[in-house]
Amino acid sequence: MSTPSSGSGLKTFTAVIAVIFGLVLLIGGIYLAVLGGSWYYIIAGLLFIATAVLLQKLKSTALIVYALLVLGTVVWGLWEVGSDFFALAPRLDILGLFGLWLLIPAVTRGFDNAKGAKIALTGSLAITIAVMIYAV
């Protein structure tokens, strides 16, 4: 039986995890920005929270928002530390794993027109993997 509510427990769990990640990044990012540091963490936190909200609303744009977060993080990571694998890995590892989690069919069940959004997220994850392979 494939109804929009199928897998809703996994979808809710995923949204809760995204909100937690988002709040941690947002709060830490605000603190860092006040100290004169990077605004990246504020933006990343807001995008994680937006992903969570869109997931709960069954919007495939959740995957596109997350794909933009991943691509932005790759660009920011390369700008900040260059192609140093050991410096890039902590910036990209959890984002990559969470991106793979978002591609699980039970998480995206009930989305309208999810194919394009899945392609966008898959592409951003492929770019991340290519950058990490190059960095090795």
Protein backbone atom coordinates (compact mmCIF):
# COMPACT_ATOMS: atom_id res chain seq x y z
CA MET A 1 0.00 0.00 0.00
CA SER A 2 1.60 3.25 -1.14
CA THR A 3 -0.15 6.20 0.45
CA PRO A 4 1.42 9.57 1.21
CA SER A 5 1.53 8.64 4.89
CA SER A 6 3.52 5.44 4.20
CA GLY A 7 6.89 5.72 5.87
CA SER A 8 5.76 8.80 7.77
CA GLY A 9 7.56 7.59 10.90
CA LEU A 10 10.88 7.54 9.04
CA LYS A 11 10.08 10.86 7.40
CA THR A 12 9.26 12.43 10.79
CA PHE A 13 12.43 10.96 12.32
CA THR A 14 14.45 12.41 9.43
CA ALA A 15 12.80 15.82 9.80
CA VAL A 16 13.49 15.85 13.56
CA ILE A 17 17.16 15.00 12.97
CA ALA A 18 17.36 17.77 10.34
CA VAL A 19 15.84 20.28 12.78
CA ILE A 20 18.30 19.27 15.50
CA PHE A 21 21.26 19.61 13.12
CA GLY A 22 19.83 22.91 11.88
CA LEU A 23 19.36 24.38 15.35
CA VAL A 24 22.85 23.35 16.46
CA LEU A 25 24.38 24.90 13.34
CA LEU A 26 22.21 28.02 13.60
CA ILE A 27 22.90 28.68 17.29
CA GLY A 28 26.60 27.93 16.95
CA GLY A 29 26.72 29.99 13.77
CA ILE A 30 25.16 33.00 15.44
CA TYR A 31 27.72 32.76 18.22
CA LEU A 32 30.56 32.45 15.69
CA ALA A 33 29.25 35.39 13.61
CA VAL A 34 29.05 37.56 16.74
CA LEU A 35 32.73 36.76 17.32
CA GLY A 36 33.47 37.88 13.74
CA GLY A 37 33.62 34.42 12.17
CA SER A 38 32.00 32.81 9.16
CA TRP A 39 28.28 33.18 8.44
CA TYR A 40 28.27 29.76 6.75
CA TYR A 41 26.89 27.98 9.81
CA ILE A 42 23.90 30.32 10.06
CA ILE A 43 23.05 29.68 6.42
CA ALA A 44 23.60 25.93 6.78
CA GLY A 45 21.39 25.82 9.88
CA LEU A 46 18.58 27.66 8.12
CA LEU A 47 18.82 25.36 5.09
CA PHE A 48 18.71 22.26 7.33
CA ILE A 49 15.59 23.63 9.04
CA ALA A 50 14.02 24.48 5.67
CA THR A 51 14.76 20.92 4.51
CA ALA A 52 12.99 19.55 7.59
CA VAL A 53 9.91 21.72 7.09
CA LEU A 54 9.66 20.81 3.41
CA LEU A 55 10.09 17.11 4.23
CA GLN A 56 7.13 17.23 6.60
CA LYS A 57 5.06 19.00 3.93
CA LEU A 58 5.95 16.24 1.41
CA LYS A 59 7.64 18.74 -0.90
CA SER A 60 10.33 17.43 -3.21
CA THR A 61 11.97 20.85 -2.98
CA ALA A 62 13.38 19.58 0.35
CA LEU A 63 15.87 17.59 -1.71
CA ILE A 64 16.73 20.59 -3.87
CA VAL A 65 17.30 22.81 -0.83
CA TYR A 66 19.53 20.12 0.64
CA ALA A 67 21.39 19.73 -2.67
CA LEU A 68 22.10 23.49 -2.59
CA LEU A 69 23.37 23.14 0.97
CA VAL A 70 25.72 20.33 -0.09
CA LEU A 71 27.02 22.23 -3.13
CA GLY A 72 27.44 25.42 -1.11
CA THR A 73 29.36 23.50 1.52
CA VAL A 74 31.67 21.99 -1.09
CA VAL A 75 32.41 25.44 -2.50
CA TRP A 76 32.86 26.95 0.98
CA GLY A 77 35.07 24.04 2.08
CA LEU A 78 37.31 24.33 -0.97
CA TRP A 79 37.53 28.10 -0.50
CA GLU A 80 38.35 27.78 3.18
CA VAL A 81 40.79 24.84 3.26
CA GLY A 82 41.57 23.99 -0.36
CA SER A 83 41.85 20.37 -1.41
CA ASP A 84 43.18 19.08 1.92
CA PHE A 85 41.28 15.81 2.42
CA PHE A 86 41.63 15.79 6.21
CA ALA A 87 40.32 19.35 6.45
CA LEU A 88 37.46 18.75 3.96
CA ALA A 89 36.26 15.46 5.44
CA PRO A 90 34.76 16.95 8.63
CA ARG A 91 32.94 19.55 6.53
CA LEU A 92 31.44 17.10 4.08
CA ASP A 93 31.07 13.68 5.73
CA ILE A 94 27.86 14.10 7.74
CA LEU A 95 26.25 16.17 4.98
CA GLY A 96 27.01 13.40 2.49
CA LEU A 97 25.63 10.66 4.70
CA PHE A 98 22.47 12.62 5.46
CA GLY A 99 22.08 13.30 1.73
CA LEU A 100 22.24 9.57 1.02
CA TRP A 101 19.67 9.02 3.79
CA LEU A 102 17.35 11.53 2.07
CA LEU A 103 17.45 9.37 -1.07
CA ILE A 104 15.94 6.37 0.73
CA PRO A 105 12.55 5.71 -0.93
CA ALA A 106 10.72 5.56 2.43
CA VAL A 107 11.86 9.12 3.17
CA THR A 108 10.64 10.51 -0.16
CA ARG A 109 7.46 8.43 -0.47
CA GLY A 110 4.48 10.65 -1.16
CA PHE A 111 6.46 13.44 -2.80
CA ASP A 112 5.09 14.84 -6.04
CA ASN A 113 7.52 14.88 -8.96
CA ALA A 114 10.51 13.80 -6.88
CA LYS A 115 12.54 12.49 -9.83
CA GLY A 116 14.15 15.84 -10.70
CA ALA A 117 14.85 16.62 -7.05
CA LYS A 118 16.46 13.21 -6.55
CA ILE A 119 18.63 13.80 -9.62
CA ALA A 120 19.70 17.20 -8.23
CA LEU A 121 20.63 15.71 -4.86
CA THR A 122 22.38 12.74 -6.45
CA GLY A 123 24.36 15.11 -8.65
CA SER A 124 25.45 17.25 -5.72
CA LEU A 125 26.51 14.13 -3.80
CA ALA A 126 28.45 12.90 -6.86
CA ILE A 127 30.28 16.24 -7.03
CA THR A 128 31.08 15.92 -3.32
CA ILE A 129 32.47 12.42 -3.82
CA ALA A 130 34.52 13.59 -6.81
CA VAL A 131 35.99 16.46 -4.75
CA MET A 132 36.85 14.09 -1.92
CA ILE A 133 38.50 11.62 -4.31
CA TYR A 134 40.50 14.45 -5.85
CA ALA A 135 41.50 15.62 -2.35
CA VAL A 136 42.88 12.18 -1.51
